[in-house]
């Protein structure tokens, strides 16, 4: 029986982890952390049925757990992750603190110096569909961001095949409001979001861009001359959860002759949490809501734009985009069926 600790249990991703762990037959929650509500129960703070006691980080019994999920904001998460690793325990970090391998890029992106740059090369990026074997061997997983997950999964087979005619992918992404976290703001207030659709961090300045570029280039492995870059535009949907990314790519002359529907179906045939939809269907948030699934649909174009391929990927931003993928990674780290707790 795996013994689990959660830092940041009162946020959306922490609460989602508590929910998912109720169905995990080989895991037990030992502690749940909240720095602002120690001594209370989770059900006192959030309308839920989980009477889980909350403790301060300094009171976390690290000796009594096998793995800790950190659902804290960047910077704060790295400090606690280092403490857990020093105690000889494993960490799945849901913040951005270990996703970027370059400390200078991290500092530029997140506007502060990384508190533990020595751990950046130790972390493994937690996208099982690409890094499953490495995840199984590590004690520190950098759980991917939700936007990167929904962008990288539809791009992955194309990059592995060296199919891109130009080094630019265009990603148009839309997320439910829970992706902004529980802390309220004027831009995520119900009245501001309801009955609207708003792009934000436009002109490629969203902090997930370096993460997406880093992973795309690692997958591409030099196949595309000049490397690969994404033009990424996020939008805020007036829904609680869910994410949909539309990806536009230009194919090489050779790749235009390929039956990409068949390639994608073969590539993801044995992936338990990726479903390539049949020809003619379009992925939607309804396909994946409250599951750890990613739904991908392919849409070849014709005429003057026959060299382009359009792909749609839908995920639940709190599950496959965060806590579900984190649980999937934990299962891999301990040699369990990665579907455990996520069926």
C-alpha atoms as a PDB file:
ATOM      1  CA  UNK A   1       0.000   0.000   0.000  1.00  0.00           C
ATOM      2  CA  UNK A   2       1.542   3.292  -1.130  1.00  0.00           C
ATOM      3  CA  UNK A   3       1.475   6.076   1.435  1.00  0.00           C
ATOM      4  CA  UNK A   4       0.676   9.501  -0.039  1.00  0.00           C
ATOM      5  CA  UNK A   5       1.164  13.113   1.039  1.00  0.00           C
ATOM      6  CA  UNK A   6      -0.279  16.165  -0.705  1.00  0.00           C
ATOM      7  CA  UNK A   7       1.102  19.687  -0.385  1.00  0.00           C
ATOM      8  CA  UNK A   8      -1.504  22.278  -1.373  1.00  0.00           C
ATOM      9  CA  UNK A   9      -4.545  20.070  -0.873  1.00  0.00           C
ATOM     10  CA  UNK A  10      -7.103  22.911  -0.916  1.00  0.00           C
ATOM     11  CA  UNK A  11      -6.394  24.040  -4.490  1.00  0.00           C
ATOM     12  CA  UNK A  12      -8.229  22.623  -7.484  1.00  0.00           C
ATOM     13  CA  UNK A  13      -5.478  20.161  -8.367  1.00  0.00           C
ATOM     14  CA  UNK A  14      -4.997  19.087  -4.744  1.00  0.00           C
ATOM     15  CA  UNK A  15      -8.709  18.489  -4.311  1.00  0.00           C
ATOM     16  CA  UNK A  16      -8.833  16.558  -7.576  1.00  0.00           C
ATOM     17  CA  UNK A  17      -6.017  14.321  -6.308  1.00  0.00           C
ATOM     18  CA  UNK A  18      -7.909  13.637  -3.081  1.00  0.00           C
ATOM     19  CA  UNK A  19     -10.941  12.683  -5.183  1.00  0.00           C
ATOM     20  CA  UNK A  20      -8.962  10.358  -7.463  1.00  0.00           C
ATOM     21  CA  UNK A  21      -7.179   8.666  -4.587  1.00  0.00           C
ATOM     22  CA  UNK A  22     -10.523   7.493  -3.203  1.00  0.00           C
ATOM     23  CA  UNK A  23     -10.633   5.024  -6.104  1.00  0.00           C
ATOM     24  CA  UNK A  24      -6.979   3.921  -5.923  1.00  0.00           C
ATOM     25  CA  UNK A  25      -6.841   0.420  -4.483  1.00  0.00           C
ATOM     26  CA  UNK A  26      -3.126   0.535  -3.682  1.00  0.00           C
ATOM     27  CA  UNK A  27      -2.698   3.996  -2.166  1.00  0.00           C
ATOM     28  CA  UNK A  28      -3.598   5.644   1.125  1.00  0.00           C
ATOM     29  CA  UNK A  29      -3.582   9.360   1.917  1.00  0.00           C
ATOM     30  CA  UNK A  30      -1.369   9.975   4.965  1.00  0.00           C
ATOM     31  CA  UNK A  31      -1.384  13.765   5.090  1.00  0.00           C
ATOM     32  CA  UNK A  32      -2.893  16.769   3.342  1.00  0.00           C
ATOM     33  CA  UNK A  33      -1.313  20.196   3.679  1.00  0.00           C
ATOM     34  CA  UNK A  34      -2.765  23.695   3.862  1.00  0.00           C
ATOM     35  CA  UNK A  35      -0.637  26.490   5.254  1.00  0.00           C
ATOM     36  CA  UNK A  36      -3.624  28.799   5.703  1.00  0.00           C
ATOM     37  CA  UNK A  37      -6.026  26.283   7.271  1.00  0.00           C
ATOM     38  CA  UNK A  38      -4.065  23.969   9.593  1.00  0.00           C
ATOM     39  CA  UNK A  39      -6.217  22.104  12.072  1.00  0.00           C
ATOM     40  CA  UNK A  40      -9.301  22.255   9.860  1.00  0.00           C
ATOM     41  CA  UNK A  41     -10.689  19.455   7.736  1.00  0.00           C
ATOM     42  CA  UNK A  42     -10.823  19.674   3.968  1.00  0.00           C
ATOM     43  CA  UNK A  43     -14.619  19.520   4.171  1.00  0.00           C
ATOM     44  CA  UNK A  44     -14.560  22.610   6.433  1.00  0.00           C
ATOM     45  CA  UNK A  45     -12.845  24.649   3.717  1.00  0.00           C
ATOM     46  CA  UNK A  46     -14.400  23.287   0.526  1.00  0.00           C
ATOM     47  CA  UNK A  47     -17.866  21.830  -0.070  1.00  0.00           C
ATOM     48  CA  UNK A  48     -16.889  18.170  -0.337  1.00  0.00           C
ATOM     49  CA  UNK A  49     -17.285  14.874   1.495  1.00  0.00           C
ATOM     50  CA  UNK A  50     -13.608  14.413   2.349  1.00  0.00           C
ATOM     51  CA  UNK A  51     -13.066  14.866   6.089  1.00  0.00           C
ATOM     52  CA  UNK A  52      -9.294  14.971   5.635  1.00  0.00           C
ATOM     53  CA  UNK A  53      -7.342  16.798   8.389  1.00  0.00           C
ATOM     54  CA  UNK A  54      -5.110  19.627   7.152  1.00  0.00           C
ATOM     55  CA  UNK A  55      -1.629  20.298   8.531  1.00  0.00           C
ATOM     56  CA  UNK A  56       1.209  22.779   8.099  1.00  0.00           C
ATOM     57  CA  UNK A  57       4.157  21.879   5.907  1.00  0.00           C
ATOM     58  CA  UNK A  58       6.514  21.795   8.898  1.00  0.00           C
ATOM     59  CA  UNK A  59       4.283  19.158  10.500  1.00  0.00           C
ATOM     60  CA  UNK A  60       4.223  16.869   7.454  1.00  0.00           C
ATOM     61  CA  UNK A  61       5.338  13.352   8.504  1.00  0.00           C
ATOM     62  CA  UNK A  62       7.666  12.723   5.567  1.00  0.00           C
ATOM     63  CA  UNK A  63       9.032   9.576   7.193  1.00  0.00           C
ATOM     64  CA  UNK A  64       5.558   8.042   6.940  1.00  0.00           C
ATOM     65  CA  UNK A  65       5.028   8.463   3.187  1.00  0.00           C
ATOM     66  CA  UNK A  66       6.434   6.971  -0.009  1.00  0.00           C
ATOM     67  CA  UNK A  67       5.602   9.822  -2.360  1.00  0.00           C
ATOM     68  CA  UNK A  68       4.431  13.422  -2.148  1.00  0.00           C
ATOM     69  CA  UNK A  69       2.370  15.368  -4.672  1.00  0.00           C
ATOM     70  CA  UNK A  70       3.176  19.067  -4.637  1.00  0.00           C
ATOM     71  CA  UNK A  71       0.268  21.213  -5.815  1.00  0.00           C
ATOM     72  CA  UNK A  72       1.819  24.492  -4.696  1.00  0.00           C
ATOM     73  CA  UNK A  73       2.689  27.528  -6.840  1.00  0.00           C
ATOM     74  CA  UNK A  74       6.096  27.710  -8.485  1.00  0.00           C
ATOM     75  CA  UNK A  75       9.008  28.636  -6.183  1.00  0.00           C
ATOM     76  CA  UNK A  76       7.198  27.449  -3.072  1.00  0.00           C
ATOM     77  CA  UNK A  77       6.885  23.999  -4.608  1.00  0.00           C
ATOM     78  CA  UNK A  78      10.603  23.640  -5.331  1.00  0.00           C
ATOM     79  CA  UNK A  79      11.536  24.323  -1.719  1.00  0.00           C
ATOM     80  CA  UNK A  80       9.273  21.614  -0.361  1.00  0.00           C
ATOM     81  CA  UNK A  81      10.171  19.174  -3.131  1.00  0.00           C
ATOM     82  CA  UNK A  82      13.837  19.500  -2.197  1.00  0.00           C
ATOM     83  CA  UNK A  83      12.966  18.744   1.418  1.00  0.00           C
ATOM     84  CA  UNK A  84      11.017  15.625   0.420  1.00  0.00           C
ATOM     85  CA  UNK A  85      13.817  14.368  -1.820  1.00  0.00           C
ATOM     86  CA  UNK A  86      16.338  14.913   0.971  1.00  0.00           C
ATOM     87  CA  UNK A  87      14.156  12.669   3.140  1.00  0.00           C
ATOM     88  CA  UNK A  88      14.550   9.911   0.561  1.00  0.00           C
ATOM     89  CA  UNK A  89      10.997  10.113  -0.779  1.00  0.00           C
ATOM     90  CA  UNK A  90       9.656  10.537  -4.301  1.00  0.00           C
ATOM     91  CA  UNK A  91       7.969  13.662  -5.641  1.00  0.00           C
ATOM     92  CA  UNK A  92       5.434  14.404  -8.357  1.00  0.00           C
ATOM     93  CA  UNK A  93       5.513  18.169  -8.757  1.00  0.00           C
ATOM     94  CA  UNK A  94       2.452  19.764 -10.363  1.00  0.00           C
ATOM     95  CA  UNK A  95       3.952  23.261 -10.426  1.00  0.00           C
ATOM     96  CA  UNK A  96       6.238  24.586 -13.141  1.00  0.00           C
ATOM     97  CA  UNK A  97       9.350  24.428 -10.961  1.00  0.00           C
ATOM     98  CA  UNK A  98      10.988  21.436 -12.638  1.00  0.00           C
ATOM     99  CA  UNK A  99       9.563  21.487 -16.158  1.00  0.00           C
ATOM    100  CA  UNK A 100      12.264  23.698 -17.650  1.00  0.00           C
ATOM    101  CA  UNK A 101      15.767  22.244 -17.777  1.00  0.00           C
ATOM    102  CA  UNK A 102      17.563  25.588 -18.076  1.00  0.00           C
ATOM    103  CA  UNK A 103      17.726  27.750 -14.935  1.00  0.00           C
ATOM    104  CA  UNK A 104      18.209  30.961 -16.937  1.00  0.00           C
ATOM    105  CA  UNK A 105      15.093  30.255 -19.021  1.00  0.00           C
ATOM    106  CA  UNK A 106      13.181  29.509 -15.812  1.00  0.00           C
ATOM    107  CA  UNK A 107      14.297  32.820 -14.270  1.00  0.00           C
ATOM    108  CA  UNK A 108      13.318  34.763 -17.384  1.00  0.00           C
ATOM    109  CA  UNK A 109       9.922  33.025 -17.594  1.00  0.00           C
ATOM    110  CA  UNK A 110       8.912  33.071 -13.926  1.00  0.00           C
ATOM    111  CA  UNK A 111      10.727  36.275 -12.879  1.00  0.00           C
ATOM    112  CA  UNK A 112      12.749  34.844 -10.028  1.00  0.00           C
ATOM    113  CA  UNK A 113      15.851  32.738  -9.463  1.00  0.00           C
ATOM    114  CA  UNK A 114      15.230  29.013  -9.196  1.00  0.00           C
ATOM    115  CA  UNK A 115      15.837  27.973  -5.567  1.00  0.00           C
ATOM    116  CA  UNK A 116      17.239  24.538  -6.503  1.00  0.00           C
ATOM    117  CA  UNK A 117      18.721  24.596 -10.013  1.00  0.00           C
ATOM    118  CA  UNK A 118      20.748  21.477  -9.223  1.00  0.00           C
ATOM    119  CA  UNK A 119      17.511  19.472  -9.377  1.00  0.00           C
ATOM    120  CA  UNK A 120      16.478  20.568 -12.876  1.00  0.00           C
ATOM    121  CA  UNK A 121      18.443  17.868 -14.688  1.00  0.00           C
ATOM    122  CA  UNK A 122      17.272  15.268 -12.161  1.00  0.00           C
ATOM    123  CA  UNK A 123      13.600  15.797 -12.966  1.00  0.00           C
ATOM    124  CA  UNK A 124      11.838  13.813 -15.690  1.00  0.00           C
ATOM    125  CA  UNK A 125       9.085  15.450 -17.712  1.00  0.00           C
ATOM    126  CA  UNK A 126       5.920  13.556 -16.850  1.00  0.00           C
ATOM    127  CA  UNK A 127       4.348  12.897 -20.238  1.00  0.00           C
ATOM    128  CA  UNK A 128       3.975   9.091 -20.179  1.00  0.00           C
ATOM    129  CA  UNK A 129       3.209   8.825 -23.897  1.00  0.00           C
ATOM    130  CA  UNK A 130       6.793   9.917 -24.574  1.00  0.00           C
ATOM    131  CA  UNK A 131       8.845   9.431 -21.399  1.00  0.00           C
ATOM    132  CA  UNK A 132       7.280   6.343 -19.788  1.00  0.00           C
ATOM    133  CA  UNK A 133      10.548   4.441 -19.243  1.00  0.00           C
ATOM    134  CA  UNK A 134      12.334   7.421 -17.711  1.00  0.00           C
ATOM    135  CA  UNK A 135       9.385   8.182 -15.432  1.00  0.00           C
ATOM    136  CA  UNK A 136       9.537   4.640 -14.085  1.00  0.00           C
ATOM    137  CA  UNK A 137      13.160   5.165 -13.002  1.00  0.00           C
ATOM    138  CA  UNK A 138      13.040   8.627 -11.420  1.00  0.00           C
ATOM    139  CA  UNK A 139      12.258  10.011  -7.981  1.00  0.00           C
ATOM    140  CA  UNK A 140      11.241  13.463  -9.297  1.00  0.00           C
ATOM    141  CA  UNK A 141       8.578  13.979 -11.951  1.00  0.00           C
ATOM    142  CA  UNK A 142       7.801  17.384 -13.421  1.00  0.00           C
ATOM    143  CA  UNK A 143       4.123  17.025 -14.189  1.00  0.00           C
ATOM    144  CA  UNK A 144       3.334  18.813 -17.492  1.00  0.00           C
ATOM    145  CA  UNK A 145       1.165  21.868 -17.753  1.00  0.00           C
ATOM    146  CA  UNK A 146      -2.341  21.437 -19.136  1.00  0.00           C
ATOM    147  CA  UNK A 147      -1.806  23.611 -22.205  1.00  0.00           C
ATOM    148  CA  UNK A 148       1.471  21.837 -23.091  1.00  0.00           C
ATOM    149  CA  UNK A 149      -0.195  18.423 -22.718  1.00  0.00           C
ATOM    150  CA  UNK A 150      -2.980  19.337 -25.141  1.00  0.00           C
ATOM    151  CA  UNK A 151      -0.466  20.789 -27.614  1.00  0.00           C
ATOM    152  CA  UNK A 152       2.288  18.172 -27.459  1.00  0.00           C
ATOM    153  CA  UNK A 153       0.110  15.049 -27.742  1.00  0.00           C
ATOM    154  CA  UNK A 154      -1.276  15.894 -31.209  1.00  0.00           C
ATOM    155  CA  UNK A 155       2.155  17.079 -32.392  1.00  0.00           C
ATOM    156  CA  UNK A 156       4.100  14.073 -31.125  1.00  0.00           C
ATOM    157  CA  UNK A 157       3.595  11.570 -33.998  1.00  0.00           C
ATOM    158  CA  UNK A 158       4.345  14.260 -36.568  1.00  0.00           C
ATOM    159  CA  UNK A 159       7.589  15.272 -34.874  1.00  0.00           C
ATOM    160  CA  UNK A 160       8.689  11.670 -34.412  1.00  0.00           C
ATOM    161  CA  UNK A 161       8.254  11.204 -38.166  1.00  0.00           C
ATOM    162  CA  UNK A 162      10.011  14.441 -39.157  1.00  0.00           C
ATOM    163  CA  UNK A 163       6.883  15.516 -41.028  1.00  0.00           C
ATOM    164  CA  UNK A 164       7.073  19.305 -40.608  1.00  0.00           C
ATOM    165  CA  UNK A 165       7.857  21.443 -43.639  1.00  0.00           C
ATOM    166  CA  UNK A 166       8.383  24.533 -41.501  1.00  0.00           C
ATOM    167  CA  UNK A 167       9.514  24.947 -37.893  1.00  0.00           C
ATOM    168  CA  UNK A 168       6.349  26.697 -36.689  1.00  0.00           C
ATOM    169  CA  UNK A 169       3.242  25.139 -35.174  1.00  0.00           C
ATOM    170  CA  UNK A 170       0.195  27.284 -34.446  1.00  0.00           C
ATOM    171  CA  UNK A 171      -1.728  26.313 -31.321  1.00  0.00           C
ATOM    172  CA  UNK A 172      -5.086  27.906 -30.560  1.00  0.00           C
ATOM    173  CA  UNK A 173      -6.066  26.767 -27.059  1.00  0.00           C
ATOM    174  CA  UNK A 174      -9.090  27.286 -24.829  1.00  0.00           C
ATOM    175  CA  UNK A 175      -9.333  26.448 -21.126  1.00  0.00           C
ATOM    176  CA  UNK A 176     -11.966  26.335 -18.431  1.00  0.00           C
ATOM    177  CA  UNK A 177     -11.598  28.865 -15.626  1.00  0.00           C
ATOM    178  CA  UNK A 178     -10.276  26.309 -13.115  1.00  0.00           C
ATOM    179  CA  UNK A 179      -6.992  26.449 -15.030  1.00  0.00           C
ATOM    180  CA  UNK A 180      -6.368  29.821 -13.392  1.00  0.00           C
ATOM    181  CA  UNK A 181      -6.469  28.303  -9.898  1.00  0.00           C
ATOM    182  CA  UNK A 182      -8.720  29.012  -6.915  1.00  0.00           C
ATOM    183  CA  UNK A 183      -7.364  32.441  -6.091  1.00  0.00           C
ATOM    184  CA  UNK A 184      -9.956  34.934  -7.394  1.00  0.00           C
ATOM    185  CA  UNK A 185      -9.099  37.797  -9.709  1.00  0.00           C
ATOM    186  CA  UNK A 186     -10.955  40.369 -11.774  1.00  0.00           C
ATOM    187  CA  UNK A 187     -10.343  38.372 -14.954  1.00  0.00           C
ATOM    188  CA  UNK A 188     -11.667  35.081 -13.540  1.00  0.00           C
ATOM    189  CA  UNK A 189     -14.672  36.427 -11.642  1.00  0.00           C
ATOM    190  CA  UNK A 190     -17.932  34.815 -12.808  1.00  0.00           C
ATOM    191  CA  UNK A 191     -19.375  38.062 -14.155  1.00  0.00           C
ATOM    192  CA  UNK A 192     -16.230  38.756 -16.174  1.00  0.00           C
ATOM    193  CA  UNK A 193     -16.025  35.262 -17.682  1.00  0.00           C
ATOM    194  CA  UNK A 194     -19.658  34.243 -18.156  1.00  0.00           C
ATOM    195  CA  UNK A 195     -21.054  34.501 -21.701  1.00  0.00           C
ATOM    196  CA  UNK A 196     -17.704  35.542 -23.098  1.00  0.00           C
ATOM    197  CA  UNK A 197     -14.541  34.215 -24.731  1.00  0.00           C
ATOM    198  CA  UNK A 198     -11.309  36.050 -24.028  1.00  0.00           C
ATOM    199  CA  UNK A 199      -7.772  35.553 -25.353  1.00  0.00           C
ATOM    200  CA  UNK A 200      -5.013  36.412 -22.920  1.00  0.00           C
ATOM    201  CA  UNK A 201      -1.213  36.541 -22.865  1.00  0.00           C
ATOM    202  CA  UNK A 202      -1.323  36.986 -26.624  1.00  0.00           C
ATOM    203  CA  UNK A 203       1.739  37.525 -28.858  1.00  0.00           C
ATOM    204  CA  UNK A 204       3.430  34.355 -27.558  1.00  0.00           C
ATOM    205  CA  UNK A 205       4.150  35.647 -24.053  1.00  0.00           C
ATOM    206  CA  UNK A 206       2.355  32.932 -22.060  1.00  0.00           C
ATOM    207  CA  UNK A 207       4.707  31.228 -19.602  1.00  0.00           C
ATOM    208  CA  UNK A 208       3.940  27.802 -21.075  1.00  0.00           C
ATOM    209  CA  UNK A 209       5.569  28.701 -24.408  1.00  0.00           C
ATOM    210  CA  UNK A 210       9.151  27.849 -23.299  1.00  0.00           C
ATOM    211  CA  UNK A 211       7.893  24.549 -21.854  1.00  0.00           C
ATOM    212  CA  UNK A 212       6.109  23.623 -25.081  1.00  0.00           C
ATOM    213  CA  UNK A 213       9.097  24.627 -27.228  1.00  0.00           C
ATOM    214  CA  UNK A 214      11.511  22.657 -25.034  1.00  0.00           C
ATOM    215  CA  UNK A 215       9.535  19.419 -25.283  1.00  0.00           C
ATOM    216  CA  UNK A 216       8.690  19.792 -28.971  1.00  0.00           C
ATOM    217  CA  UNK A 217      12.381  20.182 -29.769  1.00  0.00           C
ATOM    218  CA  UNK A 218      13.336  17.241 -27.594  1.00  0.00           C
ATOM    219  CA  UNK A 219      10.870  15.074 -29.531  1.00  0.00           C
ATOM    220  CA  UNK A 220      11.908  16.550 -32.878  1.00  0.00           C
ATOM    221  CA  UNK A 221      15.557  15.764 -32.067  1.00  0.00           C
ATOM    222  CA  UNK A 222      16.923  17.930 -34.866  1.00  0.00           C
ATOM    223  CA  UNK A 223      14.695  16.545 -37.626  1.00  0.00           C
ATOM    224  CA  UNK A 224      13.305  20.004 -38.425  1.00  0.00           C
ATOM    225  CA  UNK A 225      16.000  22.447 -39.602  1.00  0.00           C
ATOM    226  CA  UNK A 226      16.299  25.378 -37.231  1.00  0.00           C
ATOM    227  CA  UNK A 227      14.308  23.709 -34.497  1.00  0.00           C
ATOM    228  CA  UNK A 228      10.607  23.897 -33.684  1.00  0.00           C
ATOM    229  CA  UNK A 229       8.640  26.780 -32.202  1.00  0.00           C
ATOM    230  CA  UNK A 230       5.015  27.224 -31.282  1.00  0.00           C
ATOM    231  CA  UNK A 231       2.815  30.258 -31.800  1.00  0.00           C
ATOM    232  CA  UNK A 232       0.504  29.808 -28.850  1.00  0.00           C
ATOM    233  CA  UNK A 233      -2.653  31.739 -28.034  1.00  0.00           C
ATOM    234  CA  UNK A 234      -4.676  30.779 -24.939  1.00  0.00           C
ATOM    235  CA  UNK A 235      -8.324  31.709 -24.377  1.00  0.00           C
ATOM    236  CA  UNK A 236     -10.526  31.616 -21.298  1.00  0.00           C
ATOM    237  CA  UNK A 237     -13.733  29.642 -21.737  1.00  0.00           C
ATOM    238  CA  UNK A 238     -16.799  30.368 -19.576  1.00  0.00           C
ATOM    239  CA  UNK A 239     -16.827  26.798 -18.209  1.00  0.00           C
ATOM    240  CA  UNK A 240     -15.428  25.325 -15.003  1.00  0.00           C
ATOM    241  CA  UNK A 241     -13.096  22.721 -16.497  1.00  0.00           C
ATOM    242  CA  UNK A 242     -11.975  21.326 -19.807  1.00  0.00           C
ATOM    243  CA  UNK A 243      -9.463  22.288 -22.498  1.00  0.00           C
ATOM    244  CA  UNK A 244      -9.389  22.181 -26.269  1.00  0.00           C
ATOM    245  CA  UNK A 245      -6.427  22.912 -28.525  1.00  0.00           C
ATOM    246  CA  UNK A 246      -6.543  23.280 -32.294  1.00  0.00           C
ATOM    247  CA  UNK A 247      -3.119  22.745 -33.855  1.00  0.00           C
ATOM    248  CA  UNK A 248      -2.120  23.854 -37.365  1.00  0.00           C
ATOM    249  CA  UNK A 249       0.977  22.411 -39.068  1.00  0.00           C
ATOM    250  CA  UNK A 250       2.511  22.438 -42.551  1.00  0.00           C
ATOM    251  CA  UNK A 251       3.685  19.095 -43.903  1.00  0.00           C
ATOM    252  CA  UNK A 252       6.643  18.170 -46.109  1.00  0.00           C
ATOM    253  CA  UNK A 253       5.802  16.976 -49.649  1.00  0.00           C
ATOM    254  CA  UNK A 254       6.522  13.395 -48.566  1.00  0.00           C
ATOM    255  CA  UNK A 255       4.360  13.716 -45.448  1.00  0.00           C
ATOM    256  CA  UNK A 256       1.415  14.941 -47.513  1.00  0.00           C
ATOM    257  CA  UNK A 257       1.210  11.474 -49.049  1.00  0.00           C
ATOM    258  CA  UNK A 258       0.941   9.805 -45.634  1.00  0.00           C
ATOM    259  CA  UNK A 259      -2.293   8.489 -44.167  1.00  0.00           C
ATOM    260  CA  UNK A 260      -1.905  10.302 -40.849  1.00  0.00           C
ATOM    261  CA  UNK A 261      -5.130   8.895 -39.477  1.00  0.00           C
ATOM    262  CA  UNK A 262      -3.589   5.429 -39.621  1.00  0.00           C
ATOM    263  CA  UNK A 263      -0.266   6.657 -38.247  1.00  0.00           C
ATOM    264  CA  UNK A 264      -1.929   8.281 -35.242  1.00  0.00           C
ATOM    265  CA  UNK A 265      -4.125   5.254 -34.606  1.00  0.00           C
ATOM    266  CA  UNK A 266      -1.072   2.985 -34.615  1.00  0.00           C
ATOM    267  CA  UNK A 267       1.041   5.360 -32.496  1.00  0.00           C
ATOM    268  CA  UNK A 268      -1.578   5.642 -29.767  1.00  0.00           C
ATOM    269  CA  UNK A 269      -3.120   2.165 -30.039  1.00  0.00           C
ATOM    270  CA  UNK A 270      -1.558   0.990 -26.772  1.00  0.00           C
ATOM    271  CA  UNK A 271      -1.866   4.249 -24.863  1.00  0.00           C
ATOM    272  CA  UNK A 272      -4.549   3.809 -22.206  1.00  0.00           C
ATOM    273  CA  UNK A 273      -5.387   7.506 -21.990  1.00  0.00           C
ATOM    274  CA  UNK A 274      -5.262   8.699 -25.605  1.00  0.00           C
ATOM    275  CA  UNK A 275      -8.105   8.071 -28.034  1.00  0.00           C
ATOM    276  CA  UNK A 276      -7.732   8.916 -31.717  1.00  0.00           C
ATOM    277  CA  UNK A 277     -11.265   9.518 -32.953  1.00  0.00           C
ATOM    278  CA  UNK A 278     -12.517   7.902 -36.182  1.00  0.00           C
ATOM    279  CA  UNK A 279     -12.319   9.828 -39.423  1.00  0.00           C
ATOM    280  CA  UNK A 280     -14.994  12.474 -39.654  1.00  0.00           C
ATOM    281  CA  UNK A 281     -15.368  12.979 -35.904  1.00  0.00           C
ATOM    282  CA  UNK A 282     -14.128  16.074 -34.082  1.00  0.00           C
ATOM    283  CA  UNK A 283     -12.681  16.020 -30.586  1.00  0.00           C
ATOM    284  CA  UNK A 284     -14.601  18.007 -27.996  1.00  0.00           C
ATOM    285  CA  UNK A 285     -14.430  18.626 -24.263  1.00  0.00           C
ATOM    286  CA  UNK A 286     -17.535  16.469 -23.895  1.00  0.00           C
ATOM    287  CA  UNK A 287     -15.447  13.451 -24.961  1.00  0.00           C
ATOM    288  CA  UNK A 288     -13.099  13.773 -21.988  1.00  0.00           C
ATOM    289  CA  UNK A 289     -14.748  15.760 -19.183  1.00  0.00           C
ATOM    290  CA  UNK A 290     -13.768  14.458 -15.713  1.00  0.00           C
ATOM    291  CA  UNK A 291     -11.573  11.713 -17.166  1.00  0.00           C
ATOM    292  CA  UNK A 292      -7.846  11.251 -17.701  1.00  0.00           C
ATOM    293  CA  UNK A 293      -8.405  10.811 -21.427  1.00  0.00           C
ATOM    294  CA  UNK A 294      -7.120  12.865 -24.330  1.00  0.00           C
ATOM    295  CA  UNK A 295      -9.233  12.809 -27.492  1.00  0.00           C
ATOM    296  CA  UNK A 296      -7.503  13.658 -30.781  1.00  0.00           C
ATOM    297  CA  UNK A 297      -9.072  14.191 -34.183  1.00  0.00           C
ATOM    298  CA  UNK A 298      -7.325  14.788 -37.510  1.00  0.00           C
ATOM    299  CA  UNK A 299      -8.608  17.047 -40.270  1.00  0.00           C
ATOM    300  CA  UNK A 300      -6.669  17.095 -43.585  1.00  0.00           C
ATOM    301  CA  UNK A 301      -7.166  20.162 -45.739  1.00  0.00           C
ATOM    302  CA  UNK A 302      -7.484  20.426 -49.491  1.00  0.00           C
ATOM    303  CA  UNK A 303      -7.094  22.857 -52.356  1.00  0.00           C
ATOM    304  CA  UNK A 304      -4.596  25.676 -51.927  1.00  0.00           C
ATOM    305  CA  UNK A 305      -3.900  24.596 -48.334  1.00  0.00           C
ATOM    306  CA  UNK A 306      -3.509  20.868 -48.990  1.00  0.00           C
ATOM    307  CA  UNK A 307      -0.057  21.014 -47.415  1.00  0.00           C
ATOM    308  CA  UNK A 308      -1.638  21.787 -44.044  1.00  0.00           C
ATOM    309  CA  UNK A 309      -2.975  19.449 -41.402  1.00  0.00           C
ATOM    310  CA  UNK A 310      -5.352  20.529 -38.666  1.00  0.00           C
ATOM    311  CA  UNK A 311      -5.526  18.575 -35.406  1.00  0.00           C
ATOM    312  CA  UNK A 312      -7.851  18.958 -32.422  1.00  0.00           C
ATOM    313  CA  UNK A 313      -7.014  17.711 -28.936  1.00  0.00           C
ATOM    314  CA  UNK A 314      -9.371  17.802 -25.952  1.00  0.00           C
ATOM    315  CA  UNK A 315      -8.491  17.039 -22.326  1.00  0.00           C
ATOM    316  CA  UNK A 316      -9.835  17.813 -18.890  1.00  0.00           C
ATOM    317  CA  UNK A 317      -7.404  20.426 -17.609  1.00  0.00           C
ATOM    318  CA  UNK A 318      -7.669  19.200 -14.006  1.00  0.00           C
ATOM    319  CA  UNK A 319      -7.287  15.503 -14.822  1.00  0.00           C
ATOM    320  CA  UNK A 320      -5.113  14.654 -17.842  1.00  0.00           C
ATOM    321  CA  UNK A 321      -3.889  18.249 -17.645  1.00  0.00           C
ATOM    322  CA  UNK A 322      -2.887  17.982 -13.970  1.00  0.00           C
ATOM    323  CA  UNK A 323      -3.927  15.574 -11.198  1.00  0.00           C
ATOM    324  CA  UNK A 324      -4.899  12.549 -13.293  1.00  0.00           C
ATOM    325  CA  UNK A 325      -1.624  12.664 -15.191  1.00  0.00           C
ATOM    326  CA  UNK A 326       0.175  13.091 -11.862  1.00  0.00           C
ATOM    327  CA  UNK A 327      -1.478   9.927 -10.550  1.00  0.00           C
ATOM    328  CA  UNK A 328      -0.628   8.150 -13.806  1.00  0.00           C
ATOM    329  CA  UNK A 329       3.005   9.164 -13.269  1.00  0.00           C
ATOM    330  CA  UNK A 330       2.982   7.967  -9.657  1.00  0.00           C
ATOM    331  CA  UNK A 331       1.727   4.573 -10.795  1.00  0.00           C
ATOM    332  CA  UNK A 332       4.607   4.325 -13.256  1.00  0.00           C
ATOM    333  CA  UNK A 333       7.160   5.386 -10.620  1.00  0.00           C
ATOM    334  CA  UNK A 334       6.110   2.468  -8.405  1.00  0.00           C
ATOM    335  CA  UNK A 335       5.614  -0.165 -11.086  1.00  0.00           C
ATOM    336  CA  UNK A 336       1.818  -0.215 -10.829  1.00  0.00           C
ATOM    337  CA  UNK A 337      -0.718  -0.436 -13.624  1.00  0.00           C
ATOM    338  CA  UNK A 338      -0.791   3.191 -14.757  1.00  0.00           C
ATOM    339  CA  UNK A 339      -4.575   2.989 -15.071  1.00  0.00           C
ATOM    340  CA  UNK A 340      -5.019   2.345 -11.340  1.00  0.00           C
ATOM    341  CA  UNK A 341      -7.328   4.945  -9.774  1.00  0.00           C
ATOM    342  CA  UNK A 342      -8.084   6.386 -13.216  1.00  0.00           C
ATOM    343  CA  UNK A 343     -10.384   3.853 -14.868  1.00  0.00           C
END
